[in-house]
Protein backbone atom coordinates (compact mmCIF):
# COMPACT_ATOMS: atom_id res chain seq x y z
CA UNK A 1 96.56 149.08 131.19
CA UNK A 2 98.59 146.07 130.00
CA UNK A 3 97.07 143.71 127.48
CA UNK A 4 96.37 140.19 128.58
CA UNK A 5 97.81 137.47 126.39
CA UNK A 6 95.38 135.79 124.05
CA UNK A 7 94.99 132.17 125.11
CA UNK A 8 96.24 129.62 122.63
CA UNK A 9 93.66 127.00 121.71
CA UNK A 10 94.60 123.56 122.99
CA UNK A 11 96.43 121.32 120.56
CA UNK A 12 94.43 118.47 119.07
CA UNK A 13 95.68 114.93 118.65
CA UNK A 14 94.05 112.07 116.80
CA UNK A 15 94.89 108.38 116.94
CA UNK A 16 95.31 106.96 113.46
CA UNK A 17 94.91 103.36 112.34
CA UNK A 18 95.64 102.51 108.72
CA UNK A 19 94.33 99.57 106.74
CA UNK A 20 95.14 98.17 103.34
CA UNK A 21 98.57 98.59 101.70
CA UNK A 22 100.22 99.55 105.01
CA UNK A 23 98.97 98.75 108.51
CA UNK A 24 100.20 101.41 110.94
CA UNK A 25 99.17 103.06 114.21
CA UNK A 26 100.30 106.51 115.27
CA UNK A 27 99.26 109.79 116.89
CA UNK A 28 98.78 112.79 114.61
CA UNK A 29 98.93 116.38 115.97
CA UNK A 30 96.17 118.51 114.41
CA UNK A 31 96.83 122.05 115.65
CA UNK A 32 93.48 123.29 117.04
CA UNK A 33 91.28 121.06 114.84
CA UNK A 34 90.31 123.90 112.50
CA UNK A 35 91.81 122.26 109.39
CA UNK A 36 89.65 120.69 106.69
CA UNK A 37 89.54 116.90 106.56
CA UNK A 38 91.39 117.17 103.22
CA UNK A 39 94.39 118.75 105.01
CA UNK A 40 94.14 116.14 107.76
CA UNK A 41 94.24 113.41 105.10
CA UNK A 42 97.26 115.05 103.45
CA UNK A 43 99.12 115.02 106.76
CA UNK A 44 98.15 111.39 107.34
CA UNK A 45 99.51 110.38 103.94
CA UNK A 46 102.74 112.32 104.60
CA UNK A 47 103.19 110.52 107.92
CA UNK A 48 102.43 107.12 106.37
CA UNK A 49 104.82 107.84 103.52
CA UNK A 50 107.60 108.73 105.99
CA UNK A 51 107.02 105.44 107.82
CA UNK A 52 106.95 103.37 104.60
CA UNK A 53 109.12 105.30 102.11
CA UNK A 54 109.48 102.44 99.64
CA UNK A 55 105.71 102.00 99.23
CA UNK A 56 103.91 104.81 97.31
CA UNK A 57 100.53 105.22 98.99
CA UNK A 58 97.21 106.95 98.35
CA UNK A 59 94.35 107.39 100.83
CA UNK A 60 91.03 106.12 99.49
CA UNK A 61 88.89 107.23 102.43
CA UNK A 62 89.03 108.43 106.00
CA UNK A 63 86.45 107.27 108.55
CA UNK A 64 85.57 107.92 112.16
CA UNK A 65 86.54 104.66 113.88
CA UNK A 66 83.74 105.01 116.48
CA UNK A 67 80.94 104.33 114.03
CA UNK A 68 82.50 103.94 110.59
CA UNK A 69 81.18 107.28 109.29
CA UNK A 70 82.97 108.55 106.18
CA UNK A 71 84.64 111.93 106.66
CA UNK A 72 84.27 114.31 103.72
CA UNK A 73 87.24 116.41 102.54
CA UNK A 74 85.46 119.76 102.80
CA UNK A 75 84.37 119.29 106.45
CA UNK A 76 86.33 120.94 109.26
CA UNK A 77 87.97 118.36 111.55
CA UNK A 78 86.65 119.79 114.85
CA UNK A 79 83.09 119.83 113.47
CA UNK A 80 83.07 116.08 112.75
CA UNK A 81 85.65 114.73 115.25
CA UNK A 82 86.58 115.23 118.88
CA UNK A 83 90.07 115.71 120.27
CA UNK A 84 91.53 112.26 120.96
CA UNK A 85 89.26 110.40 118.53
CA UNK A 86 90.52 107.54 116.42
CA UNK A 87 90.29 107.68 112.64
CA UNK A 88 90.85 104.87 110.17
CA UNK A 89 92.42 105.58 106.81
CA UNK A 90 92.20 103.08 103.98
CA UNK A 91 95.42 103.05 101.97
CA UNK A 92 96.37 101.52 98.67
CA UNK A 93 99.52 101.52 96.61
CA UNK A 94 99.66 104.07 93.81
CA UNK A 95 100.38 103.10 90.23
CA UNK A 96 102.97 105.84 89.77
CA UNK A 97 106.60 105.11 88.99
CA UNK A 98 107.86 108.23 90.75
CA UNK A 99 106.45 107.24 94.16
CA UNK A 100 104.64 110.54 94.56
CA UNK A 101 101.61 109.06 96.34
CA UNK A 102 98.62 111.23 96.93
CA UNK A 103 95.22 111.77 98.43
CA UNK A 104 92.03 110.27 97.15
CA UNK A 105 91.59 108.83 93.74
CA UNK A 106 89.46 105.90 94.79
CA UNK A 107 86.11 107.66 94.84
CA UNK A 108 84.48 110.28 92.65
CA UNK A 109 81.34 112.37 92.75
CA UNK A 110 78.84 113.00 90.02
CA UNK A 111 78.50 111.31 86.67
CA UNK A 112 81.34 110.12 84.53
CA UNK A 113 83.84 109.69 87.37
CA UNK A 114 85.47 113.10 87.12
CA UNK A 115 87.22 115.26 84.55
CA UNK A 116 89.25 113.81 81.72
CA UNK A 117 92.52 115.17 80.38
């Protein structure tokens, strides 16, 4: 008996609105939504960086635009968002000379603000 093809999960798309150092609007494909919010944020920063290459950016926080809820990096996108939702990302310029940009950096957890080098 022939095997039936395994259905591919539908592709997710999110609308993105940025605020702060760069104000942009775009659609971001998100595979099937199974990625962590941290990976989603990384992709957002990559997209923003490609749209504004001369401005090194970092994402301070990502929020659900419906109600302003902060999205935590360890959460899975499809558990806290729906396909087609709008997210807002708050961007700021980095202080690096190499323009590497990055994710986070504006908030920390616990006492002392994180590890020191």
